[in-house]
Each structure stands twice: as structure tokens, then as C-alpha cells.
Amino acid sequence: MSEPAAIFTVDALTGGGTGPLYLRLKALIRGAIEKGVLAAQDALPSEREIANLLDISRVTVRKALTELVEEGILTQKRGSGTYVTGQAPRVEQRLSRLTSFTEDMLARGLTPSVKWLQKTVAPPTPDEAMVLALSPNERVIRLRRLRMADGRPMALELAVVPARLLASPEAVGNSLYAALQAAGIRPVRAMQRLSAESLNAEDAATLSVPPGSPALYIERISYLADGRAVEFTKSHYRGDAYDFVVELTTSGENE
């Protein structure tokens, strides 16, 4: 096993593309972990050492390390240093913005992918018809898929949209929101309801976790600017892989 400091070379950093330096440093560290060059509980050099080895600023190093800590890939211990996390990394998703899974993963330097389980046009269920305000004869596009990040199963998702809004189920590639945007009907707001559940045997197997494992169940209804509901989604996120974070503020007035 190489010493952790051995991965921090100028050539390794410049070979990571032409993007911002902190993103290239993140990719360098993530790649070393995926290849086993950095193992669980390995200590990284200090910010100053990494900055000196790569001839970059400590601000750049700190930004890269901070984001990797937020994503659960690294752990910082006060007075001790920065270490490779000893378990599968967790993804932290903030609930203040309406973004797609694909956008979330790309923003974290992860590669999103999808395994399609269902792509059909069918009559809506009573719940779907009510939520999407459908007339009796309308149909829906039903999309069920396994969402993955860097090949790791993350979430099971069932998305339903009115069939009149998209040409066909095949119009949707990896990202439903990209397809909706291409059709000029990307949602601008959504309501989400979160609850804790245990995964049944079938869903657990699909997500590569034991039956009964904890999951975050989310129902989301997304709306266009004119108030029409355009998407009704039910998702199960792995409880060991996801943290949903909400920022709370006061009104600024004395209470």
C-alpha cells in the first residue's frame, strides 16, 4: 500500500482535466479510495502539506476536503486530522432546491446511472388521477427505476406523469427532469412528504441491502408555474446512504 502522501502529485492533479482545482482534487482523492490506494481509516496529510505538494492554495484544499466530509467520504477529527471514512459514503441532499437525482449526483462528483425496471403507458390509479387532476380517459407514463451513483444502488423510484405531456416513455433517458425541460414543462416547485420505512424483501434485494433495512420514503408532487401538477413520484432511499438536510432560519424578528 502506498503512503497517502504519494497520491498528491502535480501530475496527478493536472491529469484530472481542466475544471476547478478543488473538483480535480476531490476526484483525485475519490479515485485513490476507489482503487484501494487509500483505505478505510487512512490519515490524509494536513491541508498545508497537501497544498505544498500540489502547489495550490490551502483554501482550495480546504474546500475539497470539506465537501468530501459533507459527502461522507472523509471524516475529520478535531485535533487529529482527516481520515478516509470506514464505511460506505453517505450522500447529503438539501431540501431547499428542486433538483433532479442526476443533478445532485453530478454536483457531488458522482456518476449517476439508472437501471430501468418499468417504462409503460397505462391507466392511472385513483391516487394518481386525483393528484395529477386527470380526466377519466387520460393515461399516464409510469417510470420505475433503480437510481445509482458510481454504480452503487441508492434509490428506487416510481415516477408518474400525464401521458399527454411527453411523446412516449422512451423520451426519458437517465433524467426525467431533462426530458421535461426539453418538452418545455420542467416543474418549478414541489411538495414532499418524508417518512421512515423498512424495505420489503424485493425492494431490499434491488437496493443490495438486507430485508427490513431502513429506508427514507418520499412522496413528491411537482408543479408547473401555472399550478398544474406534472409529476407524482414515490421513492425509497437507502437509509444507510442518504441524509436529507433542511436549513431552518428565523424571521429575524424578536419573538
C-alpha atoms as a PDB file:
ATOM      1  CA  MET A   1       0.000   0.000   0.000  1.00  0.00           C
ATOM      2  CA  SER A   2       1.359   3.432  -0.936  1.00  0.00           C
ATOM      3  CA  GLU A   3       1.783   6.161   1.618  1.00  0.00           C
ATOM      4  CA  PRO A   4      -1.217   8.552   1.458  1.00  0.00           C
ATOM      5  CA  ALA A   5       1.074  11.489   0.591  1.00  0.00           C
ATOM      6  CA  ALA A   6       2.266   9.661  -2.537  1.00  0.00           C
ATOM      7  CA  ILE A   7      -1.004  10.314  -4.390  1.00  0.00           C
ATOM      8  CA  PHE A   8      -0.678  14.097  -4.113  1.00  0.00           C
ATOM      9  CA  THR A   9       1.457  14.945  -7.136  1.00  0.00           C
ATOM     10  CA  VAL A  10       1.155  17.856  -9.526  1.00  0.00           C
ATOM     11  CA  ASP A  11       0.989  15.462 -12.481  1.00  0.00           C
ATOM     12  CA  ALA A  12      -1.915  13.543 -10.908  1.00  0.00           C
ATOM     13  CA  LEU A  13      -3.805  16.783 -10.338  1.00  0.00           C
ATOM     14  CA  THR A  14      -3.191  18.301 -13.772  1.00  0.00           C
ATOM     15  CA  GLY A  15      -4.147  14.995 -15.373  1.00  0.00           C
ATOM     16  CA  GLY A  16      -7.633  15.334 -13.864  1.00  0.00           C
ATOM     17  CA  GLY A  17      -8.966  17.660 -16.542  1.00  0.00           C
ATOM     18  CA  THR A  18      -9.414  21.420 -16.847  1.00  0.00           C
ATOM     19  CA  GLY A  19     -12.135  22.046 -14.268  1.00  0.00           C
ATOM     20  CA  PRO A  20     -11.745  23.943 -10.988  1.00  0.00           C
ATOM     21  CA  LEU A  21      -8.789  22.792  -8.910  1.00  0.00           C
ATOM     22  CA  TYR A  22     -10.895  21.798  -5.910  1.00  0.00           C
ATOM     23  CA  LEU A  23     -13.021  19.487  -8.087  1.00  0.00           C
ATOM     24  CA  ARG A  24      -9.890  17.908  -9.550  1.00  0.00           C
ATOM     25  CA  LEU A  25      -8.536  17.381  -6.029  1.00  0.00           C
ATOM     26  CA  LYS A  26     -11.816  15.783  -4.977  1.00  0.00           C
ATOM     27  CA  ALA A  27     -11.655  13.441  -7.980  1.00  0.00           C
ATOM     28  CA  LEU A  28      -8.033  12.592  -7.156  1.00  0.00           C
ATOM     29  CA  ILE A  29      -8.878  11.605  -3.576  1.00  0.00           C
ATOM     30  CA  ARG A  30     -12.059   9.764  -4.560  1.00  0.00           C
ATOM     31  CA  GLY A  31     -10.193   7.825  -7.253  1.00  0.00           C
ATOM     32  CA  ALA A  32      -7.466   6.800  -4.788  1.00  0.00           C
ATOM     33  CA  ILE A  33     -10.137   5.442  -2.428  1.00  0.00           C
ATOM     34  CA  GLU A  34     -11.955   3.552  -5.196  1.00  0.00           C
ATOM     35  CA  LYS A  35      -8.673   1.976  -6.370  1.00  0.00           C
ATOM     36  CA  GLY A  36      -7.704   0.956  -2.840  1.00  0.00           C
ATOM     37  CA  VAL A  37      -4.678   3.250  -2.726  1.00  0.00           C
ATOM     38  CA  LEU A  38      -6.348   4.940   0.242  1.00  0.00           C
ATOM     39  CA  ALA A  39      -8.043   2.512   2.625  1.00  0.00           C
ATOM     40  CA  ALA A  40     -10.616   2.994   5.365  1.00  0.00           C
ATOM     41  CA  GLN A  41      -9.173   4.878   8.361  1.00  0.00           C
ATOM     42  CA  ASP A  42      -6.090   6.039   6.415  1.00  0.00           C
ATOM     43  CA  ALA A  43      -4.991   9.503   7.524  1.00  0.00           C
ATOM     44  CA  LEU A  44      -4.519  12.191   4.875  1.00  0.00           C
ATOM     45  CA  PRO A  45      -1.677  14.706   5.034  1.00  0.00           C
ATOM     46  CA  SER A  46      -2.551  18.070   6.579  1.00  0.00           C
ATOM     47  CA  GLU A  47      -4.064  20.868   4.490  1.00  0.00           C
ATOM     48  CA  ARG A  48      -0.700  22.635   4.489  1.00  0.00           C
ATOM     49  CA  GLU A  49       1.148  19.521   3.319  1.00  0.00           C
ATOM     50  CA  ILE A  50      -1.334  18.830   0.504  1.00  0.00           C
ATOM     51  CA  ALA A  51      -1.166  22.471  -0.600  1.00  0.00           C
ATOM     52  CA  ASN A  52       2.631  22.336  -0.681  1.00  0.00           C
ATOM     53  CA  LEU A  53       2.729  19.001  -2.524  1.00  0.00           C
ATOM     54  CA  LEU A  54       0.325  20.225  -5.214  1.00  0.00           C
ATOM     55  CA  ASP A  55       1.433  23.884  -5.296  1.00  0.00           C
ATOM     56  CA  ILE A  56      -2.118  25.126  -4.705  1.00  0.00           C
ATOM     57  CA  SER A  57      -3.708  27.280  -2.029  1.00  0.00           C
ATOM     58  CA  ARG A  58      -4.878  25.958   1.329  1.00  0.00           C
ATOM     59  CA  VAL A  59      -8.292  27.499   0.566  1.00  0.00           C
ATOM     60  CA  THR A  60      -8.604  25.173  -2.435  1.00  0.00           C
ATOM     61  CA  VAL A  61      -7.554  22.169  -0.352  1.00  0.00           C
ATOM     62  CA  ARG A  62      -9.967  23.081   2.447  1.00  0.00           C
ATOM     63  CA  LYS A  63     -12.901  23.417   0.028  1.00  0.00           C
ATOM     64  CA  ALA A  64     -12.222  19.986  -1.490  1.00  0.00           C
ATOM     65  CA  LEU A  65     -11.819  18.279   1.894  1.00  0.00           C
ATOM     66  CA  THR A  66     -14.884  19.994   3.360  1.00  0.00           C
ATOM     67  CA  GLU A  67     -17.112  18.795   0.524  1.00  0.00           C
ATOM     68  CA  LEU A  68     -15.761  15.235   0.794  1.00  0.00           C
ATOM     69  CA  VAL A  69     -16.510  15.319   4.525  1.00  0.00           C
ATOM     70  CA  GLU A  70     -20.054  16.550   3.821  1.00  0.00           C
ATOM     71  CA  GLU A  71     -20.496  13.675   1.357  1.00  0.00           C
ATOM     72  CA  GLY A  72     -19.332  11.164   3.974  1.00  0.00           C
ATOM     73  CA  ILE A  73     -16.203  10.089   2.114  1.00  0.00           C
ATOM     74  CA  LEU A  74     -13.798  11.660   4.602  1.00  0.00           C
ATOM     75  CA  THR A  75     -14.036  12.198   8.358  1.00  0.00           C
ATOM     76  CA  GLN A  76     -12.375  14.995  10.281  1.00  0.00           C
ATOM     77  CA  LYS A  77     -11.431  14.500  13.913  1.00  0.00           C
ATOM     78  CA  ARG A  78     -10.709  17.622  15.923  1.00  0.00           C
ATOM     79  CA  GLY A  79      -7.065  17.806  16.907  1.00  0.00           C
ATOM     80  CA  SER A  80      -6.233  14.629  14.981  1.00  0.00           C
ATOM     81  CA  GLY A  81      -6.684  15.109  11.241  1.00  0.00           C
ATOM     82  CA  THR A  82      -8.657  13.946   8.212  1.00  0.00           C
ATOM     83  CA  TYR A  83      -9.311  10.261   7.614  1.00  0.00           C
ATOM     84  CA  VAL A  84     -10.922   8.065   4.985  1.00  0.00           C
ATOM     85  CA  THR A  85     -14.363   7.095   6.274  1.00  0.00           C
ATOM     86  CA  GLY A  86     -14.554   3.489   7.396  1.00  0.00           C
ATOM     87  CA  GLN A  87     -17.953   2.787   5.867  1.00  0.00           C
ATOM     88  CA  ALA A  88     -19.788   3.383   2.612  1.00  0.00           C
ATOM     89  CA  PRO A  89     -20.087   7.121   1.980  1.00  0.00           C
ATOM     90  CA  ARG A  90     -23.382   8.849   2.645  1.00  0.00           C
ATOM     91  CA  VAL A  91     -24.905  11.404   0.328  1.00  0.00           C
ATOM     92  CA  GLU A  92     -26.258  14.579   1.880  1.00  0.00           C
ATOM     93  CA  GLN A  93     -29.108  16.217  -0.006  1.00  0.00           C
ATOM     94  CA  ARG A  94     -30.508  19.593   0.935  1.00  0.00           C
ATOM     95  CA  LEU A  95     -34.234  20.072   0.514  1.00  0.00           C
ATOM     96  CA  SER A  96     -34.163  23.799  -0.199  1.00  0.00           C
ATOM     97  CA  ARG A  97     -33.956  23.422  -4.010  1.00  0.00           C
ATOM     98  CA  LEU A  98     -35.905  21.394  -6.542  1.00  0.00           C
ATOM     99  CA  THR A  99     -33.251  19.388  -8.393  1.00  0.00           C
ATOM    100  CA  SER A 100     -33.101  16.015 -10.067  1.00  0.00           C
ATOM    101  CA  PHE A 101     -31.175  12.984  -8.813  1.00  0.00           C
ATOM    102  CA  THR A 102     -28.864  13.307 -11.826  1.00  0.00           C
ATOM    103  CA  GLU A 103     -28.073  16.937 -10.999  1.00  0.00           C
ATOM    104  CA  ASP A 104     -27.499  16.104  -7.319  1.00  0.00           C
ATOM    105  CA  MET A 105     -25.010  13.332  -8.085  1.00  0.00           C
ATOM    106  CA  LEU A 106     -23.104  15.316 -10.714  1.00  0.00           C
ATOM    107  CA  ALA A 107     -22.780  18.220  -8.255  1.00  0.00           C
ATOM    108  CA  ARG A 108     -21.072  15.820  -5.826  1.00  0.00           C
ATOM    109  CA  GLY A 109     -18.648  14.489  -8.402  1.00  0.00           C
ATOM    110  CA  LEU A 110     -20.505  11.159  -8.627  1.00  0.00           C
ATOM    111  CA  THR A 111     -21.524   9.433 -11.851  1.00  0.00           C
ATOM    112  CA  PRO A 112     -25.306   8.893 -11.950  1.00  0.00           C
ATOM    113  CA  SER A 113     -26.803   5.923 -13.769  1.00  0.00           C
ATOM    114  CA  VAL A 114     -30.135   4.170 -13.961  1.00  0.00           C
ATOM    115  CA  LYS A 115     -31.459   0.642 -14.332  1.00  0.00           C
ATOM    116  CA  TRP A 116     -34.924   0.691 -15.826  1.00  0.00           C
ATOM    117  CA  LEU A 117     -37.447  -1.629 -14.176  1.00  0.00           C
ATOM    118  CA  GLN A 118     -40.596  -0.345 -15.903  1.00  0.00           C
ATOM    119  CA  LYS A 119     -41.476   2.060 -18.721  1.00  0.00           C
ATOM    120  CA  THR A 120     -45.145   1.867 -19.607  1.00  0.00           C
ATOM    121  CA  VAL A 121     -48.225   3.836 -20.608  1.00  0.00           C
ATOM    122  CA  ALA A 122     -51.226   2.798 -18.519  1.00  0.00           C
ATOM    123  CA  PRO A 123     -54.449   3.997 -16.917  1.00  0.00           C
ATOM    124  CA  PRO A 124     -53.795   5.947 -13.704  1.00  0.00           C
ATOM    125  CA  THR A 125     -54.558   4.592 -10.265  1.00  0.00           C
ATOM    126  CA  PRO A 126     -57.213   6.527  -8.317  1.00  0.00           C
ATOM    127  CA  ASP A 127     -54.475   8.284  -6.303  1.00  0.00           C
ATOM    128  CA  GLU A 128     -52.566   9.246  -9.437  1.00  0.00           C
ATOM    129  CA  ALA A 129     -55.693  10.556 -11.155  1.00  0.00           C
ATOM    130  CA  MET A 130     -56.536  12.685  -8.121  1.00  0.00           C
ATOM    131  CA  VAL A 131     -53.030  14.093  -7.596  1.00  0.00           C
ATOM    132  CA  LEU A 132     -52.464  14.864 -11.288  1.00  0.00           C
ATOM    133  CA  ALA A 133     -56.050  16.112 -11.856  1.00  0.00           C
ATOM    134  CA  LEU A 134     -56.624  13.714 -14.749  1.00  0.00           C
ATOM    135  CA  SER A 135     -59.869  13.206 -16.623  1.00  0.00           C
ATOM    136  CA  PRO A 136     -61.367   9.666 -16.655  1.00  0.00           C
ATOM    137  CA  ASN A 137     -59.998   8.739 -20.102  1.00  0.00           C
ATOM    138  CA  GLU A 138     -56.452  10.030 -19.670  1.00  0.00           C
ATOM    139  CA  ARG A 139     -53.409   7.790 -19.312  1.00  0.00           C
ATOM    140  CA  VAL A 140     -50.083   8.159 -17.565  1.00  0.00           C
ATOM    141  CA  ILE A 141     -46.465   7.318 -18.279  1.00  0.00           C
ATOM    142  CA  ARG A 142     -45.201   5.156 -15.406  1.00  0.00           C
ATOM    143  CA  LEU A 143     -41.436   5.054 -14.881  1.00  0.00           C
ATOM    144  CA  ARG A 144     -39.882   2.733 -12.301  1.00  0.00           C
ATOM    145  CA  ARG A 145     -36.122   2.678 -11.973  1.00  0.00           C
ATOM    146  CA  LEU A 146     -33.158   1.968  -9.745  1.00  0.00           C
ATOM    147  CA  ARG A 147     -31.039   5.082  -9.277  1.00  0.00           C
ATOM    148  CA  MET A 148     -27.291   4.566  -8.794  1.00  0.00           C
ATOM    149  CA  ALA A 149     -24.244   6.701  -8.063  1.00  0.00           C
ATOM    150  CA  ASP A 150     -20.818   5.424  -9.125  1.00  0.00           C
ATOM    151  CA  GLY A 151     -22.528   2.061  -9.680  1.00  0.00           C
ATOM    152  CA  ARG A 152     -23.865   1.886  -6.116  1.00  0.00           C
ATOM    153  CA  PRO A 153     -27.648   1.408  -5.721  1.00  0.00           C
ATOM    154  CA  MET A 154     -29.091   4.466  -3.973  1.00  0.00           C
ATOM    155  CA  ALA A 155     -32.839   4.678  -4.512  1.00  0.00           C
ATOM    156  CA  LEU A 156     -35.889   3.009  -6.000  1.00  0.00           C
ATOM    157  CA  GLU A 157     -38.161   5.460  -7.733  1.00  0.00           C
ATOM    158  CA  LEU A 158     -41.610   5.299  -9.320  1.00  0.00           C
ATOM    159  CA  ALA A 159     -42.429   8.469 -11.265  1.00  0.00           C
ATOM    160  CA  VAL A 160     -45.773   9.107 -12.948  1.00  0.00           C
ATOM    161  CA  VAL A 161     -46.516  11.909 -15.426  1.00  0.00           C
ATOM    162  CA  PRO A 162     -49.570  12.564 -17.617  1.00  0.00           C
ATOM    163  CA  ALA A 163     -49.060  10.820 -20.970  1.00  0.00           C
ATOM    164  CA  ARG A 164     -50.185  13.920 -22.879  1.00  0.00           C
ATOM    165  CA  LEU A 165     -47.088  15.796 -21.687  1.00  0.00           C
ATOM    166  CA  LEU A 166     -44.410  13.522 -23.183  1.00  0.00           C
ATOM    167  CA  ALA A 167     -44.234  11.901 -26.603  1.00  0.00           C
ATOM    168  CA  SER A 168     -43.568   8.439 -25.116  1.00  0.00           C
ATOM    169  CA  PRO A 169     -41.778   6.727 -22.212  1.00  0.00           C
ATOM    170  CA  GLU A 170     -38.722   6.453 -24.457  1.00  0.00           C
ATOM    171  CA  ALA A 171     -38.388  10.245 -24.364  1.00  0.00           C
ATOM    172  CA  VAL A 172     -36.927   9.804 -20.869  1.00  0.00           C
ATOM    173  CA  GLY A 173     -33.253   8.899 -20.653  1.00  0.00           C
ATOM    174  CA  ASN A 174     -31.342   8.976 -17.380  1.00  0.00           C
ATOM    175  CA  SER A 175     -33.101  12.139 -16.204  1.00  0.00           C
ATOM    176  CA  LEU A 176     -36.859  12.704 -16.177  1.00  0.00           C
ATOM    177  CA  TYR A 177     -36.338  16.411 -15.452  1.00  0.00           C
ATOM    178  CA  ALA A 178     -34.124  16.733 -18.526  1.00  0.00           C
ATOM    179  CA  ALA A 179     -36.940  15.229 -20.623  1.00  0.00           C
ATOM    180  CA  LEU A 180     -39.495  17.569 -19.053  1.00  0.00           C
ATOM    181  CA  GLN A 181     -37.219  20.549 -19.645  1.00  0.00           C
ATOM    182  CA  ALA A 182     -36.764  19.546 -23.282  1.00  0.00           C
ATOM    183  CA  ALA A 183     -40.561  19.479 -23.593  1.00  0.00           C
ATOM    184  CA  GLY A 184     -40.803  22.932 -22.010  1.00  0.00           C
ATOM    185  CA  ILE A 185     -42.580  21.673 -18.902  1.00  0.00           C
ATOM    186  CA  ARG A 186     -39.930  21.436 -16.195  1.00  0.00           C
ATOM    187  CA  PRO A 187     -41.527  21.859 -12.745  1.00  0.00           C
ATOM    188  CA  VAL A 188     -40.702  24.954 -10.711  1.00  0.00           C
ATOM    189  CA  ARG A 189     -41.863  23.854  -7.253  1.00  0.00           C
ATOM    190  CA  ALA A 190     -42.789  20.703  -5.381  1.00  0.00           C
ATOM    191  CA  MET A 191     -44.285  19.392  -2.172  1.00  0.00           C
ATOM    192  CA  GLN A 192     -42.536  16.456  -0.492  1.00  0.00           C
ATOM    193  CA  ARG A 193     -43.593  14.186   2.339  1.00  0.00           C
ATOM    194  CA  LEU A 194     -40.913  12.113   4.073  1.00  0.00           C
ATOM    195  CA  SER A 195     -41.320   9.120   6.366  1.00  0.00           C
ATOM    196  CA  ALA A 196     -39.265   6.205   7.666  1.00  0.00           C
ATOM    197  CA  GLU A 197     -39.977   2.689   6.429  1.00  0.00           C
ATOM    198  CA  SER A 198     -38.461  -0.790   6.390  1.00  0.00           C
ATOM    199  CA  LEU A 199     -37.716  -2.293   2.986  1.00  0.00           C
ATOM    200  CA  ASN A 200     -39.561  -5.430   1.926  1.00  0.00           C
ATOM    201  CA  ALA A 201     -37.551  -8.368   0.620  1.00  0.00           C
ATOM    202  CA  GLU A 202     -37.955  -7.481  -3.072  1.00  0.00           C
ATOM    203  CA  ASP A 203     -37.012  -3.812  -2.742  1.00  0.00           C
ATOM    204  CA  ALA A 204     -34.152  -4.632  -0.373  1.00  0.00           C
ATOM    205  CA  ALA A 205     -32.698  -7.100  -2.875  1.00  0.00           C
ATOM    206  CA  THR A 206     -32.881  -4.496  -5.641  1.00  0.00           C
ATOM    207  CA  LEU A 207     -31.072  -1.982  -3.421  1.00  0.00           C
ATOM    208  CA  SER A 208     -28.486  -4.588  -2.327  1.00  0.00           C
ATOM    209  CA  VAL A 209     -29.323  -4.378   1.387  1.00  0.00           C
ATOM    210  CA  PRO A 210     -30.805  -6.947   3.831  1.00  0.00           C
ATOM    211  CA  PRO A 211     -34.620  -7.263   4.071  1.00  0.00           C
ATOM    212  CA  GLY A 212     -36.063  -4.943   6.686  1.00  0.00           C
ATOM    213  CA  SER A 213     -33.297  -2.367   6.216  1.00  0.00           C
ATOM    214  CA  PRO A 214     -34.325   1.228   6.979  1.00  0.00           C
ATOM    215  CA  ALA A 215     -35.318   3.485   4.117  1.00  0.00           C
ATOM    216  CA  LEU A 216     -36.485   7.038   3.630  1.00  0.00           C
ATOM    217  CA  TYR A 217     -39.826   7.028   1.791  1.00  0.00           C
ATOM    218  CA  ILE A 218     -40.606  10.205  -0.115  1.00  0.00           C
ATOM    219  CA  GLU A 219     -43.728  11.232  -1.991  1.00  0.00           C
ATOM    220  CA  ARG A 220     -43.276  14.270  -4.220  1.00  0.00           C
ATOM    221  CA  ILE A 221     -45.789  16.232  -6.267  1.00  0.00           C
ATOM    222  CA  SER A 222     -44.163  18.694  -8.667  1.00  0.00           C
ATOM    223  CA  TYR A 223     -45.921  21.664 -10.246  1.00  0.00           C
ATOM    224  CA  LEU A 224     -45.563  23.951 -13.233  1.00  0.00           C
ATOM    225  CA  ALA A 225     -45.591  27.734 -12.861  1.00  0.00           C
ATOM    226  CA  ASP A 226     -49.311  27.800 -13.676  1.00  0.00           C
ATOM    227  CA  GLY A 227     -50.094  25.428 -10.800  1.00  0.00           C
ATOM    228  CA  ARG A 228     -50.625  22.221 -12.801  1.00  0.00           C
ATOM    229  CA  ALA A 229     -49.231  19.038 -11.264  1.00  0.00           C
ATOM    230  CA  VAL A 230     -46.760  17.472 -13.712  1.00  0.00           C
ATOM    231  CA  GLU A 231     -45.097  14.701 -11.693  1.00  0.00           C
ATOM    232  CA  PHE A 232     -46.075  12.312  -8.901  1.00  0.00           C
ATOM    233  CA  THR A 233     -43.127  10.355  -7.558  1.00  0.00           C
ATOM    234  CA  LYS A 234     -42.737   7.724  -4.847  1.00  0.00           C
ATOM    235  CA  SER A 235     -39.164   6.897  -3.841  1.00  0.00           C
ATOM    236  CA  HIS A 236     -37.334   4.681  -1.361  1.00  0.00           C
ATOM    237  CA  TYR A 237     -33.840   5.922  -0.490  1.00  0.00           C
ATOM    238  CA  ARG A 238     -31.357   3.682   1.294  1.00  0.00           C
ATOM    239  CA  GLY A 239     -31.241   4.727   4.929  1.00  0.00           C
ATOM    240  CA  ASP A 240     -27.538   3.902   5.156  1.00  0.00           C
ATOM    241  CA  ALA A 241     -26.621   6.049   2.175  1.00  0.00           C
ATOM    242  CA  TYR A 242     -28.717   9.212   2.341  1.00  0.00           C
ATOM    243  CA  ASP A 243     -29.116  12.158   4.685  1.00  0.00           C
ATOM    244  CA  PHE A 244     -31.724  14.791   3.881  1.00  0.00           C
ATOM    245  CA  VAL A 245     -30.913  18.195   5.348  1.00  0.00           C
ATOM    246  CA  VAL A 246     -33.206  21.189   5.809  1.00  0.00           C
ATOM    247  CA  GLU A 247     -31.900  24.631   6.754  1.00  0.00           C
ATOM    248  CA  LEU A 248     -34.131  26.481   9.214  1.00  0.00           C
ATOM    249  CA  THR A 249     -33.991  30.218   9.840  1.00  0.00           C
ATOM    250  CA  THR A 250     -35.923  32.616  11.993  1.00  0.00           C
ATOM    251  CA  SER A 251     -37.818  35.560  10.614  1.00  0.00           C
ATOM    252  CA  GLY A 252     -35.244  37.886  12.175  1.00  0.00           C
ATOM    253  CA  GLU A 253     -37.845  39.456  14.398  1.00  0.00           C
ATOM    254  CA  ASN A 254     -37.938  39.349  18.168  1.00  0.00           C
ATOM    255  CA  GLU A 255     -40.345  36.711  19.440  1.00  0.00           C
END
